[in-house]
Structure formats: C-alpha cells, structure tokens
Amino acid sequence: MIGRAMTQVAVSVKDVLREMEELKPVSSNQTEEASDDDASHAETRLGDNDSLSDDLGNDLSPEEMKVAQSAIGVVSETVVVIKELIRTITGLLKQEKPEDSGNFVDTLEKLLKLCQEIGVRIDELGACLYPPQEFPAMKAAFEKISSAIDKVQTKIESLTSSSEAVFQACNDLKRSLKQMEATLGCCSTSDIEFIMQNVALSCQEGGGTRSEFVSELDLSNTMFVICKSNIINILMDNKGIENRSCY
C-alpha cells in the first residue's frame, strides 16, 4: 500500500518533469512579431484557446530558462530520491521483524507523508516556472523540499544502516537545491520588501521611469533585475497604474 502510494508520487513528479522539459525560450520570430503588432497578436491568441495552450511556456527569456533548467535539475534528482526510497523500503519489508512492526509501519507512514509533501511542492515549483515566474513562491517550495528531505534522511537512518543509496540521492538533491538557491538568492524577502517599498514610493511621487528605477537598484545580477521587473509589474497592476507611468 505504502509502496504503491509512493510510486504514484513518483509518477506525478515525472509528469511535472516532462512538462518542465517542454519549456522553451522565446524565439526571435516571436519577439519580432510581438514588437510589430502586440495588440493583434494578443487578440489572435485569445481567440484560439488551443493555440494559446500550445504556446504556453514557449516565451521564456534566456534568464527565465536558466531558472527553469535549475528547477529541472531539482525535479530530476527528486525522482531519483523517491525511486531509491521505494527500493530501500521494499528491501526492508522483506526483513521486517514482528516485534518491530509497530514502529516500522509508523515510520513508513511518515515517510509516505513526506514523499507526498515533496510531490506537492514539486507541483508548485513547476507552476511557478511559467512567465511571469514567481520567485518568492519558488524559494518557498524548494525550502520546504529541503526540509522534507532532511526528515526523510532521519527516518531512513532510524530504520536501517544500509541506506547509502538513499542518502546519496538525498545529498544530490540538496546540491541541486543549493544551485537553484544560488540562482534565486538575489530575491530574498528583504530584497523584495525593499523593492516594493521603493517602487510604491517612486510611483506615488511620479518620478522616474521603470528602467531608471531598475538601474538605480542594479546589483550587477541579471536575475535580480528580472525579479524586480516582475514585482514592479505586479505592483502596477495592483495599484492600477498605467503602463506609461513609472514604466
């Protein structure tokens, strides 16, 4: 039962991985077409739901693709972790001793819940990759994945000393998470709060353009500029600010 449930999680994570791998950068033709006739292009896409669905995810900038590639690494390693976990648990089930069955089953149920939690966060991570990418939500997702992986290792260690494969897979996943954290590290909570406060103030005062504001806060990090750009767009939408204002 538990092994089957974990397998279902693995299948779900693989589906997310497949969708991530289908993400593509915006083509030069798409960029030129959008520049020539944005309004007409948008109207055509809205009028054709199938076409809109097919095009979804095909307009990632090079920087957004870097984020997507980091996420693909995380999800790939997650699949390996779940597979190794299933393999280890299957082996343990054959060695289970009656006197240990109560604690053993309880630990397996906790491991299943952790796997399901990881699966949920992987779904969230995948959803955040479509433009505009949601950096804070991505960070929250991979931080929870990291926390769950630590608990998985603790639980497995309490069950068996022969868990090298699981631990190796978990450590590989942690490395992928750290790489993604390095990619998104420019957008910490304090960064976001600082950006939002300053954008709100700048827009209220009506001074400067968006590009000038971004330039002022430039930390020589392309990903930070993207994060700021997304936040600025969200702020303007929420405040009902016209595109020509503070843009």
Protein backbone atom coordinates (compact mmCIF):
# COMPACT_ATOMS: atom_id res chain seq x y z
CA MET A 1 0.00 0.00 0.00
CA ILE A 2 2.69 2.48 1.04
CA GLY A 3 4.97 1.45 -1.81
CA ARG A 4 2.14 1.91 -4.29
CA ALA A 5 1.34 5.36 -2.92
CA MET A 6 4.99 6.38 -3.21
CA THR A 7 5.04 5.12 -6.78
CA GLN A 8 2.07 7.37 -7.55
CA VAL A 9 4.05 10.32 -6.19
CA ALA A 10 6.98 9.36 -8.41
CA VAL A 11 4.69 9.23 -11.46
CA SER A 12 3.30 12.67 -10.61
CA VAL A 13 6.79 14.13 -10.23
CA LYS A 14 7.81 12.60 -13.56
CA ASP A 15 4.82 14.32 -15.19
CA VAL A 16 5.98 17.65 -13.80
CA LEU A 17 9.49 16.94 -15.09
CA ARG A 18 8.16 16.18 -18.56
CA GLU A 19 6.24 19.46 -18.62
CA MET A 20 9.31 21.38 -17.46
CA GLU A 21 11.41 19.85 -20.21
CA GLU A 22 8.89 21.14 -22.75
CA LEU A 23 9.55 24.74 -21.73
CA LYS A 24 11.29 26.67 -24.49
CA PRO A 25 12.85 30.12 -24.83
CA VAL A 26 11.13 32.79 -26.86
CA SER A 27 12.19 32.66 -30.49
CA SER A 28 13.49 35.69 -32.36
CA ASN A 29 10.48 35.44 -34.69
CA GLN A 30 8.08 35.60 -31.74
CA THR A 31 9.94 38.61 -30.36
CA GLU A 32 9.79 40.46 -33.67
CA GLU A 33 6.15 39.57 -34.18
CA ALA A 34 5.27 40.82 -30.71
CA SER A 35 7.15 44.05 -31.32
CA ASP A 36 5.45 44.64 -34.68
CA ASP A 37 1.90 44.05 -33.56
CA ASP A 38 1.43 43.22 -29.86
CA ALA A 39 -2.26 44.04 -29.76
CA SER A 40 -3.12 41.99 -32.84
CA HIS A 41 -1.06 39.03 -31.65
CA ALA A 42 -2.72 39.01 -28.23
CA GLU A 43 -6.18 39.19 -29.77
CA THR A 44 -5.43 36.25 -32.07
CA ARG A 45 -4.13 34.12 -29.21
CA LEU A 46 -7.11 34.89 -27.02
CA GLY A 47 -9.39 33.85 -29.84
CA ASP A 48 -7.77 30.44 -30.15
CA ASN A 49 -7.59 28.57 -26.84
CA ASP A 50 -5.84 25.56 -28.36
CA SER A 51 -3.12 27.75 -29.82
CA LEU A 52 -2.74 29.59 -26.52
CA SER A 53 -2.32 26.29 -24.70
CA ASP A 54 0.27 25.09 -27.19
CA ASP A 55 2.25 28.33 -26.96
CA LEU A 56 2.18 28.43 -23.15
CA GLY A 57 5.72 28.21 -21.82
CA ASN A 58 7.34 28.94 -25.19
CA ASP A 59 8.06 32.55 -24.32
CA LEU A 60 10.67 32.28 -21.56
CA SER A 61 13.54 34.74 -21.69
CA PRO A 62 17.11 33.36 -21.57
CA GLU A 63 17.30 34.28 -17.89
CA GLU A 64 13.99 32.57 -17.15
CA MET A 65 15.26 29.49 -18.97
CA LYS A 66 18.22 29.40 -16.59
CA VAL A 67 15.78 29.24 -13.70
CA ALA A 68 13.81 26.50 -15.48
CA GLN A 69 16.99 24.47 -16.05
CA SER A 70 17.83 24.73 -12.35
CA ALA A 71 14.34 23.53 -11.47
CA ILE A 72 14.64 20.61 -13.92
CA GLY A 73 17.76 19.51 -12.05
CA VAL A 74 15.88 19.62 -8.76
CA VAL A 75 12.95 17.60 -10.09
CA SER A 76 15.20 15.03 -11.78
CA GLU A 77 17.01 14.41 -8.50
CA THR A 78 13.69 14.21 -6.68
CA VAL A 79 12.62 11.34 -8.93
CA VAL A 80 15.84 9.51 -8.04
CA VAL A 81 15.26 10.06 -4.31
CA ILE A 82 11.76 8.59 -4.46
CA LYS A 83 12.93 5.61 -6.53
CA GLU A 84 15.74 4.85 -4.07
CA LEU A 85 13.34 5.27 -1.18
CA ILE A 86 10.91 2.77 -2.70
CA ARG A 87 13.75 0.34 -3.36
CA THR A 88 15.03 0.61 0.21
CA ILE A 89 11.58 0.22 1.75
CA THR A 90 10.85 -2.81 -0.44
CA GLY A 91 14.01 -4.44 0.85
CA LEU A 92 13.15 -3.60 4.45
CA LEU A 93 9.67 -5.07 4.13
CA LYS A 94 11.24 -8.44 3.40
CA GLN A 95 13.35 -8.18 6.57
CA GLU A 96 10.66 -6.85 8.91
CA LYS A 97 10.60 -8.45 12.37
CA PRO A 98 7.24 -8.90 14.13
CA GLU A 99 8.43 -7.20 17.35
CA ASP A 100 9.42 -4.10 15.37
CA SER A 101 6.31 -3.94 13.19
CA GLY A 102 4.50 -1.15 15.10
CA ASN A 103 7.34 1.36 14.95
CA PHE A 104 8.30 0.17 11.47
CA VAL A 105 4.85 0.83 9.98
CA ASP A 106 4.59 4.19 11.75
CA THR A 107 7.91 5.28 10.24
CA LEU A 108 6.85 4.12 6.78
CA GLU A 109 3.64 6.14 7.02
CA LYS A 110 5.65 9.23 7.98
CA LEU A 111 7.97 8.65 5.03
CA LEU A 112 4.95 8.42 2.73
CA LYS A 113 3.60 11.72 4.04
CA LEU A 114 7.00 13.32 3.46
CA CYS A 115 7.05 11.99 -0.11
CA GLN A 116 3.57 13.34 -0.72
CA GLU A 117 4.61 16.70 0.72
CA ILE A 118 7.60 16.78 -1.63
CA GLY A 119 5.29 15.92 -4.54
CA VAL A 120 3.02 18.86 -3.70
CA ARG A 121 5.99 21.24 -3.58
CA ILE A 122 7.30 19.95 -6.90
CA ASP A 123 3.88 20.71 -8.44
CA GLU A 124 4.09 24.24 -7.03
CA LEU A 125 7.62 24.67 -8.32
CA GLY A 126 6.59 23.60 -11.80
CA ALA A 127 3.66 26.01 -11.84
CA CYS A 128 5.95 28.89 -10.86
CA LEU A 129 8.14 28.48 -13.93
CA TYR A 130 5.59 29.82 -16.42
CA PRO A 131 6.02 33.54 -17.06
CA PRO A 132 5.88 35.71 -15.15
CA GLN A 133 7.99 33.45 -12.94
CA GLU A 134 7.14 33.63 -9.25
CA PHE A 135 10.48 33.83 -7.45
CA PRO A 136 9.24 34.03 -3.82
CA ALA A 137 6.94 31.02 -4.35
CA MET A 138 9.82 29.06 -5.91
CA LYS A 139 12.04 29.78 -2.93
CA ALA A 140 9.31 28.76 -0.51
CA ALA A 141 8.78 25.49 -2.43
CA PHE A 142 12.41 24.40 -2.56
CA GLU A 143 12.99 25.38 1.07
CA LYS A 144 10.14 23.07 2.08
CA ILE A 145 11.53 20.33 -0.17
CA SER A 146 14.91 20.68 1.54
CA SER A 147 13.29 20.46 4.97
CA ALA A 148 11.34 17.35 3.96
CA ILE A 149 14.49 15.69 2.59
CA ASP A 150 16.27 16.23 5.92
CA LYS A 151 13.38 14.45 7.65
CA VAL A 152 13.46 11.62 5.12
CA GLN A 153 17.12 11.01 5.88
CA THR A 154 16.44 10.99 9.62
CA LYS A 155 13.59 8.50 9.24
CA ILE A 156 15.55 6.18 6.95
CA GLU A 157 18.52 6.26 9.32
CA SER A 158 16.25 5.11 12.14
CA LEU A 159 15.14 2.10 10.07
CA THR A 160 18.38 0.80 8.61
CA SER A 161 22.10 1.37 8.47
CA SER A 162 22.18 0.20 4.84
CA SER A 163 20.85 3.40 3.34
CA GLU A 164 23.81 4.68 1.33
CA ALA A 165 21.85 4.87 -1.93
CA VAL A 166 19.04 6.89 -0.38
CA PHE A 167 21.47 9.22 1.38
CA GLN A 168 23.47 9.73 -1.82
CA ALA A 169 20.29 10.57 -3.74
CA CYS A 170 19.18 12.96 -0.98
CA ASN A 171 22.57 14.68 -0.96
CA ASP A 172 22.49 15.05 -4.75
CA LEU A 173 19.05 16.65 -4.46
CA LYS A 174 20.32 19.01 -1.79
CA ARG A 175 23.12 20.09 -4.11
CA SER A 176 20.60 20.80 -6.85
CA LEU A 177 18.51 22.78 -4.38
CA LYS A 178 21.55 24.84 -3.40
CA GLN A 179 22.29 25.53 -7.06
CA MET A 180 18.73 26.75 -7.54
CA GLU A 181 19.02 28.80 -4.37
CA ALA A 182 22.12 30.44 -5.83
CA THR A 183 20.12 31.29 -8.95
CA LEU A 184 17.27 32.79 -6.96
CA GLY A 185 19.27 34.01 -3.98
CA CYS A 186 19.18 37.55 -5.32
CA CYS A 187 15.48 37.73 -4.44
CA SER A 188 15.46 37.37 -0.68
CA THR A 189 12.49 38.53 1.38
CA SER A 190 14.35 41.69 2.41
CA ASP A 191 15.18 42.42 -1.24
CA ILE A 192 11.53 42.08 -2.23
CA GLU A 193 10.29 44.29 0.63
CA PHE A 194 12.88 46.91 -0.26
CA ILE A 195 11.89 46.84 -3.93
CA MET A 196 8.17 47.08 -3.22
CA GLN A 197 8.57 49.99 -0.81
CA ASN A 198 10.72 51.94 -3.22
CA VAL A 199 8.60 51.20 -6.27
CA ALA A 200 5.46 52.25 -4.41
CA LEU A 201 7.14 55.48 -3.30
CA SER A 202 8.55 56.15 -6.76
CA CYS A 203 5.19 55.57 -8.43
CA GLN A 204 3.34 57.72 -5.89
CA GLU A 205 5.73 60.58 -6.49
CA GLY A 206 5.50 60.03 -10.24
CA GLY A 207 9.23 60.40 -10.65
CA GLY A 208 11.44 58.41 -12.97
CA THR A 209 10.83 55.61 -15.38
CA ARG A 210 10.85 51.93 -14.61
CA SER A 211 14.15 51.43 -16.40
CA GLU A 212 15.74 54.25 -14.38
CA PHE A 213 14.44 52.74 -11.16
CA VAL A 214 15.80 49.30 -12.05
CA SER A 215 19.13 50.85 -12.95
CA GLU A 216 19.34 52.53 -9.54
CA LEU A 217 18.91 49.20 -7.74
CA ASP A 218 21.09 47.21 -10.13
CA LEU A 219 23.25 44.79 -8.16
CA SER A 220 25.06 43.53 -11.27
CA ASN A 221 22.83 40.47 -11.26
CA THR A 222 20.58 39.80 -14.24
CA MET A 223 18.26 37.56 -12.26
CA PHE A 224 17.78 40.30 -9.66
CA VAL A 225 16.68 42.68 -12.40
CA ILE A 226 14.13 40.12 -13.61
CA CYS A 227 12.80 39.69 -10.10
CA LYS A 228 12.48 43.44 -9.68
CA SER A 229 10.78 43.70 -13.03
CA ASN A 230 8.15 41.13 -12.09
CA ILE A 231 7.47 42.82 -8.76
CA ILE A 232 7.17 46.21 -10.41
CA ASN A 233 4.66 44.83 -12.91
CA ILE A 234 2.62 43.24 -10.12
CA LEU A 235 2.65 46.42 -8.10
CA MET A 236 1.49 48.49 -11.06
CA ASP A 237 -1.30 46.03 -11.79
CA ASN A 238 -2.48 46.07 -8.19
CA LYS A 239 -2.37 49.84 -7.97
CA GLY A 240 -4.00 50.34 -11.36
CA ILE A 241 -1.05 52.36 -12.57
CA GLU A 242 -0.95 52.94 -16.30
CA ASN A 243 1.92 51.46 -18.26
CA ARG A 244 3.27 54.86 -19.18
CA SER A 245 3.57 55.82 -15.51
CA CYS A 246 6.66 54.63 -13.69
CA TYR A 247 7.48 52.27 -16.55
